[in-house]
All heavy atoms as atom14 arrays in JSON, in Angstrom:
{
  "sequence": "LNIKRYPPGDYRGVSAPNADALYSLAWLDVG",
  "atom14_mask": [
    [1, 1, 1, 1, 1, 1, 1, 1, 0, 0, 0, 0, 0, 0],
    [1, 1, 1, 1, 1, 1, 1, 1, 0, 0, 0, 0, 0, 0],
    [1, 1, 1, 1, 1, 1, 1, 1, 0, 0, 0, 0, 0, 0],
    [1, 1, 1, 1, 1, 1, 1, 1, 1, 0, 0, 0, 0, 0],
    [1, 1, 1, 1, 1, 1, 1, 1, 1, 1, 1, 0, 0, 0],
    [1, 1, 1, 1, 1, 1, 1, 1, 1, 1, 1, 1, 0, 0],
    [1, 1, 1, 1, 1, 1, 1, 0, 0, 0, 0, 0, 0, 0],
    [1, 1, 1, 1, 1, 1, 1, 0, 0, 0, 0, 0, 0, 0],
    [1, 1, 1, 1, 0, 0, 0, 0, 0, 0, 0, 0, 0, 0],
    [1, 1, 1, 1, 1, 1, 1, 1, 0, 0, 0, 0, 0, 0],
    [1, 1, 1, 1, 1, 1, 1, 1, 1, 1, 1, 1, 0, 0],
    [1, 1, 1, 1, 1, 1, 1, 1, 1, 1, 1, 0, 0, 0],
    [1, 1, 1, 1, 0, 0, 0, 0, 0, 0, 0, 0, 0, 0],
    [1, 1, 1, 1, 1, 1, 1, 0, 0, 0, 0, 0, 0, 0],
    [1, 1, 1, 1, 1, 1, 0, 0, 0, 0, 0, 0, 0, 0],
    [1, 1, 1, 1, 1, 0, 0, 0, 0, 0, 0, 0, 0, 0],
    [1, 1, 1, 1, 1, 1, 1, 0, 0, 0, 0, 0, 0, 0],
    [1, 1, 1, 1, 1, 1, 1, 1, 0, 0, 0, 0, 0, 0],
    [1, 1, 1, 1, 1, 0, 0, 0, 0, 0, 0, 0, 0, 0],
    [1, 1, 1, 1, 1, 1, 1, 1, 0, 0, 0, 0, 0, 0],
    [1, 1, 1, 1, 1, 0, 0, 0, 0, 0, 0, 0, 0, 0],
    [1, 1, 1, 1, 1, 1, 1, 1, 0, 0, 0, 0, 0, 0],
    [1, 1, 1, 1, 1, 1, 1, 1, 1, 1, 1, 1, 0, 0],
    [1, 1, 1, 1, 1, 1, 0, 0, 0, 0, 0, 0, 0, 0],
    [1, 1, 1, 1, 1, 1, 1, 1, 0, 0, 0, 0, 0, 0],
    [1, 1, 1, 1, 1, 0, 0, 0, 0, 0, 0, 0, 0, 0],
    [1, 1, 1, 1, 1, 1, 1, 1, 1, 1, 1, 1, 1, 1],
    [1, 1, 1, 1, 1, 1, 1, 1, 0, 0, 0, 0, 0, 0],
    [1, 1, 1, 1, 1, 1, 1, 1, 0, 0, 0, 0, 0, 0],
    [1, 1, 1, 1, 1, 1, 1, 0, 0, 0, 0, 0, 0, 0],
    [1, 1, 1, 1, 0, 0, 0, 0, 0, 0, 0, 0, 0, 0]
  ],
  "atom14_positions": [
    [[97.45, 93.38, 103.75], [96.71, 94.61, 104.01], [97.57, 95.76, 103.52], [98.73, 95.89, 103.94], [96.44, 94.74, 105.52], [95.92, 96.08, 106.01], [94.55, 96.39, 105.4], [95.82, 96.06, 107.52], [0.0, 0.0, 0.0], [0.0, 0.0, 0.0], [0.0, 0.0, 0.0], [0.0, 0.0, 0.0], [0.0, 0.0, 0.0], [0.0, 0.0, 0.0]],
    [[97.06, 96.57, 102.63], [97.75, 97.76, 102.16], [97.04, 98.98, 102.71], [95.93, 99.3, 102.3], [97.76, 97.81, 100.63], [98.57, 96.68, 100.03], [99.74, 96.54, 100.32], [97.92, 95.86, 99.23], [0.0, 0.0, 0.0], [0.0, 0.0, 0.0], [0.0, 0.0, 0.0], [0.0, 0.0, 0.0], [0.0, 0.0, 0.0], [0.0, 0.0, 0.0]],
    [[97.67, 99.64, 103.66], [97.09, 100.83, 104.27], [97.52, 102.02, 103.41], [98.71, 102.28, 103.27], [97.52, 100.98, 105.74], [97.07, 99.74, 106.51], [96.96, 102.26, 106.34], [97.52, 99.69, 107.95], [0.0, 0.0, 0.0], [0.0, 0.0, 0.0], [0.0, 0.0, 0.0], [0.0, 0.0, 0.0], [0.0, 0.0, 0.0], [0.0, 0.0, 0.0]],
    [[96.55, 102.72, 102.84], [96.82, 103.72, 101.81], [96.92, 105.15, 102.32], [97.0, 106.08, 101.54], [95.74, 103.62, 100.74], [95.75, 102.27, 100.07], [94.63, 102.1, 99.1], [94.73, 100.7, 98.51], [93.6, 100.26, 97.82], [0.0, 0.0, 0.0], [0.0, 0.0, 0.0], [0.0, 0.0, 0.0], [0.0, 0.0, 0.0], [0.0, 0.0, 0.0]],
    [[96.92, 105.32, 103.63], [97.07, 106.67, 104.19], [97.93, 106.59, 105.44], [98.07, 105.53, 106.05], [95.72, 107.29, 104.5], [94.93, 106.53, 105.55], [93.58, 107.19, 105.83], [92.82, 106.41, 106.76], [92.94, 106.46, 108.09], [93.79, 107.29, 108.65], [92.2, 105.72, 108.86], [0.0, 0.0, 0.0], [0.0, 0.0, 0.0], [0.0, 0.0, 0.0]],
    [[98.51, 107.72, 105.81], [99.3, 107.75, 107.05], [98.37, 107.55, 108.24], [97.23, 108.03, 108.22], [100.03, 109.09, 107.19], [101.09, 109.3, 106.14], [101.04, 110.39, 105.29], [102.15, 108.42, 106.0], [102.02, 110.59, 104.33], [103.12, 108.61, 105.04], [103.06, 109.7, 104.21], [104.02, 109.89, 103.27], [0.0, 0.0, 0.0], [0.0, 0.0, 0.0]],
    [[98.82, 106.86, 109.27], [97.94, 106.66, 110.44], [97.7, 107.99, 111.16], [98.62, 108.8, 111.3], [98.72, 105.69, 111.32], [100.13, 105.75, 110.86], [100.12, 106.21, 109.44], [0.0, 0.0, 0.0], [0.0, 0.0, 0.0], [0.0, 0.0, 0.0], [0.0, 0.0, 0.0], [0.0, 0.0, 0.0], [0.0, 0.0, 0.0], [0.0, 0.0, 0.0]],
    [[96.46, 108.23, 111.6], [96.2, 109.45, 112.37], [96.91, 109.38, 113.73], [97.29, 108.29, 114.19], [94.68, 109.46, 112.54], [94.26, 108.04, 112.36], [95.27, 107.4, 111.44], [0.0, 0.0, 0.0], [0.0, 0.0, 0.0], [0.0, 0.0, 0.0], [0.0, 0.0, 0.0], [0.0, 0.0, 0.0], [0.0, 0.0, 0.0], [0.0, 0.0, 0.0]],
    [[97.09, 110.52, 114.35], [97.81, 110.59, 115.62], [97.2, 109.75, 116.72], [97.91, 109.29, 117.62], [0.0, 0.0, 0.0], [0.0, 0.0, 0.0], [0.0, 0.0, 0.0], [0.0, 0.0, 0.0], [0.0, 0.0, 0.0], [0.0, 0.0, 0.0], [0.0, 0.0, 0.0], [0.0, 0.0, 0.0], [0.0, 0.0, 0.0], [0.0, 0.0, 0.0]],
    [[95.9, 109.5, 116.68], [95.24, 108.74, 117.74], [95.06, 107.26, 117.38], [94.42, 106.51, 118.11], [93.88, 109.36, 118.08], [92.91, 109.35, 116.91], [93.33, 109.06, 115.76], [91.72, 109.66, 117.13], [0.0, 0.0, 0.0], [0.0, 0.0, 0.0], [0.0, 0.0, 0.0], [0.0, 0.0, 0.0], [0.0, 0.0, 0.0], [0.0, 0.0, 0.0]],
    [[95.64, 106.8, 116.28], [95.5, 105.4, 115.88], [96.23, 104.5, 116.85], [97.4, 104.7, 117.16], [96.04, 105.2, 114.47], [95.95, 103.77, 113.99], [94.71, 103.19, 113.73], [97.08, 103.01, 113.8], [94.62, 101.88, 113.3], [97.0, 101.69, 113.36], [95.76, 101.14, 113.12], [95.66, 99.84, 112.7], [0.0, 0.0, 0.0], [0.0, 0.0, 0.0]],
    [[95.55, 103.49, 117.36], [96.15, 102.57, 118.33], [95.98, 101.1, 117.91], [96.0, 100.21, 118.73], [95.52, 102.77, 119.72], [95.73, 104.15, 120.3], [97.21, 104.37, 120.63], [97.43, 105.69, 121.18], [97.98, 106.69, 120.54], [98.37, 106.56, 119.29], [98.15, 107.86, 121.11], [0.0, 0.0, 0.0], [0.0, 0.0, 0.0], [0.0, 0.0, 0.0]],
    [[95.83, 100.86, 116.6], [95.64, 99.5, 116.11], [96.89, 98.65, 116.22], [96.81, 97.44, 116.22], [0.0, 0.0, 0.0], [0.0, 0.0, 0.0], [0.0, 0.0, 0.0], [0.0, 0.0, 0.0], [0.0, 0.0, 0.0], [0.0, 0.0, 0.0], [0.0, 0.0, 0.0], [0.0, 0.0, 0.0], [0.0, 0.0, 0.0], [0.0, 0.0, 0.0]],
    [[98.05, 99.25, 116.28], [99.31, 98.54, 116.5], [100.01, 99.22, 117.66], [99.66, 100.33, 118.06], [100.22, 98.53, 115.25], [99.56, 97.79, 114.11], [100.61, 99.92, 114.83], [0.0, 0.0, 0.0], [0.0, 0.0, 0.0], [0.0, 0.0, 0.0], [0.0, 0.0, 0.0], [0.0, 0.0, 0.0], [0.0, 0.0, 0.0], [0.0, 0.0, 0.0]],
    [[101.03, 98.57, 118.16], [101.7, 99.08, 119.35], [102.22, 100.5, 119.16], [101.99, 101.36, 119.98], [102.86, 98.16, 119.73], [102.37, 96.88, 120.02], [0.0, 0.0, 0.0], [0.0, 0.0, 0.0], [0.0, 0.0, 0.0], [0.0, 0.0, 0.0], [0.0, 0.0, 0.0], [0.0, 0.0, 0.0], [0.0, 0.0, 0.0], [0.0, 0.0, 0.0]],
    [[102.95, 100.76, 118.09], [103.52, 102.09, 117.88], [103.8, 102.3, 116.39], [104.92, 102.1, 115.94], [104.8, 102.25, 118.68], [0.0, 0.0, 0.0], [0.0, 0.0, 0.0], [0.0, 0.0, 0.0], [0.0, 0.0, 0.0], [0.0, 0.0, 0.0], [0.0, 0.0, 0.0], [0.0, 0.0, 0.0], [0.0, 0.0, 0.0], [0.0, 0.0, 0.0]],
    [[102.79, 102.71, 115.61], [103.03, 102.91, 114.19], [103.88, 104.16, 113.96], [103.85, 105.1, 114.75], [101.63, 103.1, 113.62], [100.86, 103.69, 114.75], [101.43, 103.04, 116.0], [0.0, 0.0, 0.0], [0.0, 0.0, 0.0], [0.0, 0.0, 0.0], [0.0, 0.0, 0.0], [0.0, 0.0, 0.0], [0.0, 0.0, 0.0], [0.0, 0.0, 0.0]],
    [[104.64, 104.15, 112.88], [105.34, 105.36, 112.48], [104.33, 106.29, 111.83], [103.56, 105.86, 110.96], [106.46, 105.04, 111.47], [107.6, 104.29, 112.1], [107.91, 104.47, 113.26], [108.22, 103.43, 111.32], [0.0, 0.0, 0.0], [0.0, 0.0, 0.0], [0.0, 0.0, 0.0], [0.0, 0.0, 0.0], [0.0, 0.0, 0.0], [0.0, 0.0, 0.0]],
    [[104.33, 107.54, 112.2], [103.37, 108.5, 111.67], [103.69, 108.91, 110.24], [102.86, 109.5, 109.57], [103.3, 109.73, 112.58], [0.0, 0.0, 0.0], [0.0, 0.0, 0.0], [0.0, 0.0, 0.0], [0.0, 0.0, 0.0], [0.0, 0.0, 0.0], [0.0, 0.0, 0.0], [0.0, 0.0, 0.0], [0.0, 0.0, 0.0], [0.0, 0.0, 0.0]],
    [[104.89, 108.62, 109.77], [105.3, 109.05, 108.44], [105.56, 107.88, 107.49], [106.31, 107.99, 106.53], [106.54, 109.92, 108.54], [107.73, 109.18, 109.13], [107.54, 108.07, 109.65], [108.85, 109.72, 109.07], [0.0, 0.0, 0.0], [0.0, 0.0, 0.0], [0.0, 0.0, 0.0], [0.0, 0.0, 0.0], [0.0, 0.0, 0.0], [0.0, 0.0, 0.0]],
    [[104.94, 106.72, 107.75], [105.17, 105.55, 106.91], [103.84, 104.95, 106.48], [102.89, 104.9, 107.25], [105.97, 104.5, 107.68], [0.0, 0.0, 0.0], [0.0, 0.0, 0.0], [0.0, 0.0, 0.0], [0.0, 0.0, 0.0], [0.0, 0.0, 0.0], [0.0, 0.0, 0.0], [0.0, 0.0, 0.0], [0.0, 0.0, 0.0], [0.0, 0.0, 0.0]],
    [[103.8, 104.52, 105.23], [102.66, 103.76, 104.74], [102.98, 102.29, 104.95], [104.11, 101.86, 104.75], [102.41, 104.05, 103.26], [102.01, 105.49, 102.94], [101.93, 105.69, 101.44], [100.7, 105.84, 103.61], [0.0, 0.0, 0.0], [0.0, 0.0, 0.0], [0.0, 0.0, 0.0], [0.0, 0.0, 0.0], [0.0, 0.0, 0.0], [0.0, 0.0, 0.0]],
    [[101.99, 101.51, 105.33], [102.21, 100.12, 105.68], [101.49, 99.17, 104.72], [100.37, 99.44, 104.3], [101.68, 99.82, 107.09], [102.5, 100.4, 108.19], [102.24, 101.67, 108.68], [103.53, 99.68, 108.76], [102.99, 102.22, 109.7], [104.3, 100.21, 109.79], [104.02, 101.48, 110.25], [104.77, 102.01, 111.26], [0.0, 0.0, 0.0], [0.0, 0.0, 0.0]],
    [[102.15, 98.09, 104.42], [101.54, 96.9, 103.84], [102.0, 95.78, 104.74], [103.19, 95.66, 105.02], [102.02, 96.65, 102.41], [101.54, 97.64, 101.55], [0.0, 0.0, 0.0], [0.0, 0.0, 0.0], [0.0, 0.0, 0.0], [0.0, 0.0, 0.0], [0.0, 0.0, 0.0], [0.0, 0.0, 0.0], [0.0, 0.0, 0.0], [0.0, 0.0, 0.0]],
    [[101.08, 94.98, 105.22], [101.47, 93.95, 106.18], [100.55, 92.75, 106.09], [99.48, 92.82, 105.5], [101.49, 94.5, 107.6], [100.17, 95.08, 108.12], [99.51, 94.11, 109.06], [100.45, 96.39, 108.82], [0.0, 0.0, 0.0], [0.0, 0.0, 0.0], [0.0, 0.0, 0.0], [0.0, 0.0, 0.0], [0.0, 0.0, 0.0], [0.0, 0.0, 0.0]],
    [[101.02, 91.66, 106.68], [100.23, 90.43, 106.74], [100.61, 89.67, 107.99], [101.78, 89.64, 108.38], [100.48, 89.56, 105.51], [0.0, 0.0, 0.0], [0.0, 0.0, 0.0], [0.0, 0.0, 0.0], [0.0, 0.0, 0.0], [0.0, 0.0, 0.0], [0.0, 0.0, 0.0], [0.0, 0.0, 0.0], [0.0, 0.0, 0.0], [0.0, 0.0, 0.0]],
    [[99.63, 89.07, 108.63], [99.87, 88.12, 109.72], [99.77, 86.75, 109.07], [98.75, 86.41, 108.48], [98.83, 88.28, 110.82], [99.02, 89.55, 111.57], [98.41, 90.75, 111.34], [99.91, 89.76, 112.66], [98.88, 91.69, 112.22], [99.8, 91.1, 113.05], [100.79, 88.94, 113.35], [100.53, 91.65, 114.1], [101.53, 89.47, 114.39], [101.39, 90.82, 114.75]],
    [[100.84, 85.98, 109.15], [100.93, 84.72, 108.42], [100.95, 83.53, 109.37], [101.71, 83.52, 110.32], [102.19, 84.71, 107.56], [102.34, 85.89, 106.59], [103.7, 85.87, 105.92], [101.22, 85.89, 105.58], [0.0, 0.0, 0.0], [0.0, 0.0, 0.0], [0.0, 0.0, 0.0], [0.0, 0.0, 0.0], [0.0, 0.0, 0.0], [0.0, 0.0, 0.0]],
    [[100.12, 82.55, 109.07], [100.11, 81.3, 109.83], [100.88, 80.26, 109.01], [100.37, 79.71, 108.05], [98.68, 80.84, 110.08], [98.61, 79.57, 110.93], [99.67, 78.95, 111.18], [97.5, 79.21, 111.34], [0.0, 0.0, 0.0], [0.0, 0.0, 0.0], [0.0, 0.0, 0.0], [0.0, 0.0, 0.0], [0.0, 0.0, 0.0], [0.0, 0.0, 0.0]],
    [[102.14, 80.05, 109.39], [102.99, 79.1, 108.68], [103.16, 77.8, 109.48], [104.07, 77.03, 109.24], [104.37, 79.72, 108.33], [104.21, 80.84, 107.32], [105.07, 80.22, 109.59], [0.0, 0.0, 0.0], [0.0, 0.0, 0.0], [0.0, 0.0, 0.0], [0.0, 0.0, 0.0], [0.0, 0.0, 0.0], [0.0, 0.0, 0.0], [0.0, 0.0, 0.0]],
    [[102.25, 77.57, 110.42], [102.34, 76.39, 111.28], [102.06, 75.1, 110.55], [102.74, 74.1, 110.74], [0.0, 0.0, 0.0], [0.0, 0.0, 0.0], [0.0, 0.0, 0.0], [0.0, 0.0, 0.0], [0.0, 0.0, 0.0], [0.0, 0.0, 0.0], [0.0, 0.0, 0.0], [0.0, 0.0, 0.0], [0.0, 0.0, 0.0], [0.0, 0.0, 0.0]]
  ]
}
């Protein structure tokens, strides 16, 4: 997932996103 904008102040999709960072992330099942 490539998030192309800074998270808004009220974003609660993750525990505590940095307000000044762009994120690319993945949840991986390596089981």
